[in-house]
Protein backbone atom coordinates (compact mmCIF):
# COMPACT_ATOMS: atom_id res chain seq x y z
CA MET A 1 -18.42 -17.29 27.30
CA SER A 2 -19.92 -14.26 25.48
CA ASP A 3 -20.72 -13.98 21.79
CA ALA A 4 -17.96 -11.36 21.38
CA VAL A 5 -15.39 -13.67 22.99
CA ASP A 6 -16.51 -16.54 20.75
CA ARG A 7 -16.09 -14.35 17.67
CA VAL A 8 -12.62 -13.18 18.67
CA GLU A 9 -11.57 -16.77 19.35
CA ALA A 10 -12.94 -17.77 15.92
CA LEU A 11 -11.06 -14.87 14.33
CA ALA A 12 -7.86 -15.99 16.06
CA VAL A 13 -8.31 -19.50 14.64
CA ALA A 14 -8.78 -18.04 11.16
CA VAL A 15 -5.70 -15.81 11.47
CA GLY A 16 -3.75 -18.89 12.52
CA GLY A 17 -4.48 -20.45 9.14
CA ASP A 18 -7.69 -22.44 9.62
CA TYR A 19 -10.18 -20.21 7.86
CA GLY A 20 -11.78 -22.84 5.67
CA PRO A 21 -14.95 -22.91 7.82
CA LEU A 22 -14.95 -19.11 8.19
CA ASP A 23 -18.63 -18.77 7.24
CA GLU A 24 -19.50 -20.96 10.22
CA LEU A 25 -17.11 -19.19 12.60
CA ILE A 26 -18.00 -15.59 11.67
CA PRO A 27 -21.01 -15.79 9.36
CA ASP A 28 -21.45 -12.07 8.64
CA TRP A 29 -17.99 -11.18 7.34
CA ARG A 30 -19.01 -11.25 3.66
CA GLN A 31 -21.68 -8.62 4.27
CA ALA A 32 -19.60 -6.53 6.68
CA VAL A 33 -17.03 -5.55 4.02
CA LEU A 34 -18.04 -5.48 0.37
CA ARG A 35 -15.33 -6.26 -2.19
CA GLU A 36 -15.60 -4.83 -5.69
CA ARG A 37 -13.14 -4.73 -8.57
CA ARG A 38 -13.26 -1.50 -10.54
CA GLY A 39 -10.70 -2.09 -13.25
CA PRO A 40 -7.28 -2.36 -11.58
CA THR A 41 -8.61 -1.06 -8.25
CA LEU A 42 -10.06 -3.14 -5.42
CA TRP A 43 -12.70 -1.29 -3.39
CA LEU A 44 -13.31 -2.47 0.18
CA THR A 45 -16.47 -0.86 1.54
CA LEU A 46 -17.38 -1.10 5.21
CA ASN A 47 -21.01 -2.14 5.16
CA ARG A 48 -22.52 -1.72 8.61
CA PRO A 49 -24.27 1.63 8.05
CA GLU A 50 -26.76 0.99 10.86
CA ARG A 51 -23.77 0.87 13.27
CA LEU A 52 -21.90 3.74 11.53
CA ASN A 53 -19.51 1.06 10.23
CA GLY A 54 -18.37 0.19 13.73
CA LEU A 55 -15.42 -2.19 13.84
CA ASN A 56 -16.10 -5.70 15.09
CA ALA A 57 -14.82 -9.18 14.24
CA ASP A 58 -16.86 -9.31 11.02
CA VAL A 59 -15.33 -6.07 9.72
CA ILE A 60 -11.77 -7.01 10.65
CA VAL A 61 -11.95 -10.40 8.97
CA GLY A 62 -13.58 -8.79 5.92
CA LEU A 63 -10.74 -6.30 5.63
CA LEU A 64 -8.08 -8.99 6.09
CA ILE A 65 -9.63 -11.19 3.40
CA GLY A 66 -9.92 -8.15 1.14
CA LEU A 67 -6.26 -7.28 1.65
CA ASP A 68 -5.42 -10.89 0.74
CA GLU A 69 -7.31 -10.39 -2.53
CA ALA A 70 -5.22 -7.27 -3.17
CA GLU A 71 -2.22 -9.56 -3.74
CA ASP A 72 -3.63 -10.33 -7.19
CA SER A 73 -1.21 -8.99 -9.78
CA GLU A 74 -4.06 -7.24 -11.61
CA VAL A 75 -4.83 -5.10 -8.55
CA ARG A 76 -2.81 -1.89 -8.65
CA SER A 77 -4.40 0.00 -5.75
CA VAL A 78 -6.91 -0.47 -2.94
CA VAL A 79 -9.64 1.88 -1.74
CA ILE A 80 -11.23 1.65 1.70
CA ALA A 81 -14.60 3.40 1.96
CA GLY A 82 -17.65 3.40 4.21
CA ARG A 83 -21.31 2.97 3.29
CA GLY A 84 -23.86 5.36 4.73
CA ARG A 85 -23.31 8.36 7.02
CA ALA A 86 -19.84 7.39 8.23
CA PHE A 87 -16.48 6.16 7.05
CA SER A 88 -16.26 4.52 10.47
CA ALA A 89 -17.19 5.70 13.94
CA GLY A 90 -14.58 3.37 15.45
CA GLY A 91 -14.93 0.26 17.55
CA ASP A 92 -18.41 -1.23 17.88
CA MET A 93 -19.11 -0.34 21.50
CA PRO A 94 -21.72 -3.06 22.29
CA PHE A 95 -19.28 -5.63 20.86
CA GLU A 96 -16.43 -4.25 22.97
CA GLN A 97 -18.63 -3.98 26.06
CA ASP A 98 -19.51 -7.65 25.67
CA LEU A 99 -15.84 -8.49 25.17
CA LEU A 100 -14.78 -6.63 28.32
CA SER A 101 -17.62 -7.87 30.50
CA THR A 102 -16.38 -11.44 30.88
CA TYR A 103 -13.31 -12.92 32.52
CA GLU A 104 -12.26 -14.63 29.30
CA GLY A 105 -12.72 -11.41 27.36
CA ARG A 106 -10.67 -9.20 29.65
CA THR A 107 -7.76 -11.57 30.13
CA VAL A 108 -7.54 -13.45 26.83
CA ALA A 109 -9.85 -12.25 24.07
CA TRP A 110 -9.33 -8.49 24.53
CA PRO A 111 -5.52 -8.58 24.04
CA ARG A 112 -6.02 -10.99 21.15
CA TRP A 113 -8.59 -8.66 19.58
CA LEU A 114 -6.13 -5.75 19.76
CA GLU A 115 -3.38 -7.89 18.24
CA ILE A 116 -5.55 -8.83 15.28
CA ALA A 117 -6.75 -5.24 14.79
CA ASN A 118 -3.10 -4.15 14.77
CA MET A 119 -2.29 -6.91 12.29
CA MET A 120 -4.94 -5.54 9.94
CA GLN A 121 -3.49 -2.02 10.20
CA ALA A 122 0.01 -3.41 9.55
CA ARG A 123 -1.29 -5.15 6.44
CA ILE A 124 -2.52 -1.81 5.08
CA ARG A 125 0.85 -0.18 5.73
CA GLY A 126 2.83 -3.15 4.41
CA LEU A 127 0.83 -3.75 1.24
CA PRO A 128 3.14 -2.92 -1.70
CA LYS A 129 0.31 -1.04 -3.42
CA PRO A 130 -1.20 2.32 -2.51
CA VAL A 131 -4.18 2.17 -0.17
CA ILE A 132 -6.54 5.15 -0.36
CA ALA A 133 -9.12 6.09 2.26
CA ALA A 134 -12.26 7.52 0.61
CA VAL A 135 -13.77 9.40 3.55
CA GLU A 136 -17.31 10.71 3.66
CA GLY A 137 -19.39 11.52 6.73
CA VAL A 138 -17.65 10.84 10.04
CA ALA A 139 -14.31 9.21 10.81
CA VAL A 140 -13.64 8.82 14.52
CA ALA A 141 -11.38 6.70 16.75
CA GLY A 142 -10.86 3.39 14.91
CA GLY A 143 -11.96 5.08 11.69
CA LEU A 144 -9.21 7.65 12.22
CA GLU A 145 -6.75 4.82 12.91
CA ILE A 146 -7.56 3.18 9.58
CA MET A 147 -7.13 6.54 7.83
CA ALA A 148 -3.74 7.01 9.50
CA SER A 149 -2.51 3.70 8.07
CA CYS A 150 -3.58 4.52 4.50
CA ASP A 151 -1.18 6.07 1.98
CA LEU A 152 -3.62 8.69 0.70
CA VAL A 153 -6.80 10.18 2.17
CA VAL A 154 -9.50 11.85 0.07
CA ALA A 155 -12.27 13.53 2.06
CA GLY A 156 -15.40 15.54 1.38
CA GLU A 157 -15.57 19.11 2.69
CA GLY A 158 -18.26 18.21 5.20
CA VAL A 159 -16.33 15.34 6.77
CA ARG A 160 -15.69 15.51 10.51
CA ILE A 161 -12.65 13.69 11.82
CA GLY A 162 -11.47 13.25 15.37
CA ASP A 163 -10.66 10.93 18.22
CA ALA A 164 -13.30 10.09 20.82
CA HIS A 165 -11.44 7.45 22.83
CA LEU A 166 -11.09 9.57 25.97
CA ASN A 167 -14.75 10.56 25.79
CA TYR A 168 -15.54 7.04 26.99
CA GLY A 169 -12.46 6.23 29.05
CA PHE A 170 -10.62 4.48 26.20
CA VAL A 171 -7.24 5.15 24.65
CA PRO A 172 -6.09 4.38 21.08
CA GLY A 173 -4.48 0.99 20.56
CA SER A 174 -3.87 0.42 16.84
CA GLY A 175 -0.94 2.71 16.08
CA GLU A 176 -2.75 6.04 16.01
CA VAL A 177 -0.52 7.74 18.59
CA ALA A 178 2.73 6.58 16.98
CA ILE A 179 1.65 7.36 13.42
CA LEU A 180 -0.18 10.65 13.90
CA SER A 181 2.49 12.14 16.15
CA ARG A 182 4.74 11.84 13.10
CA VAL A 183 2.13 13.07 10.59
CA ILE A 184 0.48 16.02 12.35
CA GLY A 185 2.90 16.57 15.23
CA PRO A 186 2.54 15.89 18.96
CA HIS A 187 0.79 19.14 19.90
CA ARG A 188 -1.99 18.79 17.35
CA LEU A 189 -2.39 15.13 18.28
CA LYS A 190 -2.72 16.05 21.95
CA ARG A 191 -5.43 18.53 20.99
CA LEU A 192 -7.35 15.77 19.22
CA LEU A 193 -6.89 13.22 21.98
CA PHE A 194 -7.36 15.41 25.06
CA THR A 195 -10.32 17.50 23.88
CA GLY A 196 -12.26 15.21 21.55
CA GLU A 197 -12.59 18.08 19.05
CA MET A 198 -13.44 17.27 15.44
CA PRO A 199 -11.66 19.73 13.13
CA THR A 200 -12.90 20.34 9.61
CA ALA A 201 -11.53 18.46 6.64
CA ARG A 202 -9.80 21.63 5.41
CA GLU A 203 -8.04 22.05 8.74
CA MET A 204 -6.95 18.42 8.74
CA GLU A 205 -5.66 18.89 5.20
CA SER A 206 -3.52 21.80 6.42
CA TRP A 207 -2.17 19.52 9.16
CA GLY A 208 -1.06 16.97 6.58
CA LEU A 209 -3.47 14.15 7.47
CA ILE A 210 -5.68 14.50 4.38
CA SER A 211 -4.21 14.37 0.87
CA SER A 212 -7.13 16.00 -0.93
CA VAL A 213 -10.39 17.72 0.09
CA VAL A 214 -13.15 17.89 -2.50
CA PRO A 215 -16.80 19.03 -2.47
CA ASP A 216 -19.17 16.57 -0.85
CA GLY A 217 -20.33 14.03 -3.39
CA GLU A 218 -17.12 14.19 -5.43
CA VAL A 219 -14.94 11.89 -3.31
CA VAL A 220 -15.42 8.84 -5.54
CA ALA A 221 -14.57 10.78 -8.70
CA GLU A 222 -11.37 12.16 -7.13
CA VAL A 223 -10.34 8.72 -5.88
CA GLU A 224 -10.92 7.22 -9.33
CA ARG A 225 -8.77 9.95 -10.86
CA MET A 226 -5.97 9.01 -8.46
CA THR A 227 -6.28 5.27 -9.03
CA THR A 228 -6.20 5.78 -12.80
CA ALA A 229 -2.94 7.70 -12.46
CA ILE A 230 -1.47 5.03 -10.16
CA ALA A 231 -2.39 2.23 -12.56
CA ALA A 232 -0.38 3.92 -15.31
CA ARG A 233 2.83 3.74 -13.24
CA SER A 234 5.30 0.90 -12.83
CA GLY A 235 4.02 -1.33 -10.02
CA PRO A 236 7.48 -2.17 -8.60
CA ALA A 237 8.43 1.53 -8.72
CA VAL A 238 5.35 2.51 -6.73
CA ALA A 239 5.88 -0.33 -4.24
CA GLY A 240 9.51 0.64 -3.72
CA LEU A 241 8.64 4.29 -3.19
CA LYS A 242 5.94 3.41 -0.64
CA ARG A 243 8.50 1.43 1.33
CA LEU A 244 11.21 4.07 1.02
CA ILE A 245 8.93 6.82 2.28
CA SER A 246 7.69 4.74 5.20
CA GLU A 247 11.06 3.42 6.32
CA GLY A 248 12.96 6.61 5.56
CA LEU A 249 10.87 8.72 7.96
CA ASP A 250 12.64 7.38 11.02
CA ALA A 251 16.07 6.85 9.51
CA PRO A 252 18.91 9.37 9.81
CA LEU A 253 19.19 11.51 6.68
CA GLU A 254 22.31 9.84 5.32
CA VAL A 255 20.86 6.39 5.95
CA ALA A 256 17.62 7.32 4.17
CA ILE A 257 19.59 8.67 1.20
CA ARG A 258 21.61 5.45 1.04
CA MET A 259 18.38 3.42 1.09
CA GLU A 260 17.13 5.46 -1.85
CA TRP A 261 20.37 4.95 -3.73
CA ASP A 262 20.33 1.19 -3.12
CA HIS A 263 16.74 0.98 -4.30
CA ILE A 264 17.29 2.81 -7.58
CA ILE A 265 20.26 0.59 -8.38
CA ARG A 266 18.13 -2.53 -7.93
CA TYR A 267 15.09 -1.10 -9.66
CA THR A 268 16.91 0.10 -12.77
CA LEU A 269 18.04 -3.47 -13.45
CA GLY A 270 14.41 -4.37 -14.19
CA ALA A 271 12.48 -4.25 -17.44
CA ASP A 272 10.21 -1.36 -16.49
CA VAL A 273 12.99 1.21 -16.59
CA GLN A 274 14.03 0.03 -20.06
CA GLU A 275 10.40 0.30 -21.18
CA GLY A 276 9.96 3.74 -19.64
CA VAL A 277 13.05 5.15 -21.31
CA ALA A 278 12.10 3.59 -24.66
CA ALA A 279 8.57 5.03 -24.41
CA PHE A 280 9.96 8.52 -23.74
CA VAL A 281 12.35 8.33 -26.72
CA GLU A 282 9.64 6.93 -28.99
CA LYS A 283 7.04 9.46 -27.76
CA ARG A 284 4.47 6.88 -26.68
CA GLU A 285 2.84 5.68 -23.46
CA PRO A 286 4.86 3.01 -21.61
CA ALA A 287 3.54 -0.53 -21.25
CA TYR A 288 5.06 -1.81 -18.02
CA VAL A 289 5.43 -5.56 -17.58
CA GLN A 290 7.07 -6.23 -14.20
CA PRO A 291 4.73 -7.77 -11.60
CA VAL A 292 4.03 -5.95 -8.34
CA PRO A 293 5.60 -7.61 -5.27
CA THR A 294 3.28 -9.38 -2.85
CA VAL A 295 3.08 -9.77 0.94
CA MET A 296 2.09 -12.54 3.33
CA ARG A 297 -1.53 -13.68 3.26
CA PHE A 298 -3.87 -13.30 6.22
CA GLY A 299 -4.31 -17.05 6.63
CA GLN A 300 -0.60 -17.87 6.69
CA ALA A 301 0.09 -19.89 9.83
CA GLY A 302 2.12 -17.59 11.97
CA SER A 303 0.35 -15.78 14.80
CA PHE A 304 -0.37 -12.20 15.55
CA GLY A 305 1.32 -8.87 15.07
CA PRO A 306 2.75 -7.35 11.88
CA PRO A 307 2.99 -9.95 9.10
CA LYS A 308 6.36 -11.21 7.93
CA PRO A 309 7.13 -11.89 4.25
CA ARG A 310 6.96 -15.49 3.15
CA ALA A 311 10.12 -17.09 1.81
CA GLY A 312 10.54 -16.08 -1.79
CA ARG A 313 7.69 -13.57 -1.56
CA GLY A 314 9.28 -10.55 0.04
CA LYS A 315 7.76 -7.10 0.06
């Protein structure tokens, strides 16, 4: 059995709940994704610059553990960044070549690897806190897929973004087609997929994929400005809006409006609305007190695919 297959099997064991001996199973995960608290923001930095932050088992487990840490009530937003010349150049090709070169890899470990990668993307989308992609350098294939799952994307002017799956006979497999066809439209997505072109950050901003383009070297400052603004808002209000926007996209108009109405009725029963109104009347800054909802942890025994809320700990 290959090293890649062994690592995917170890990752599957960890996802199933037995990640106590994780350092023995996948020893490099702590170095592959750096976790840093900057005030109320958790920064998750992909740290394989020599591989252009290519995605392998170490990176995926590092991101999943980091997203677990984001459940902490003091964390108000999450930033995903990349160290070095790339945000992420996508899947680590030697790792994937190893995975696909064995019988066990092709028939068992490869589908399992895709399930776990999709689970990580679903965790980003389902986290009841904004997740911001801080993009510098290159973001291709799997890097683009991570960007597509984030709530906000801040990119430097010199960033190049695209999809290179077809360049090497691959196709996307972590939600990129479904998500980006809704964000940038099917024709622009076909251009990216079929040609392998890498449009400029400004062009991608005009398509709606990037929230903000800033001069190179100013990405961190812009992200910190955003996270400061987010931290000043009511956590439950932000979480509810993230869910409403995501779920309302595919709902009929009247259904989406009803969802919004139902949400505001529930939300206004909480203490944060009372505090917000009082702060406005008293001409002061609000001091919100309601905790942000949480989601299921990575290690929860369950299996693969999008995580389901634990009893009593809904989104």
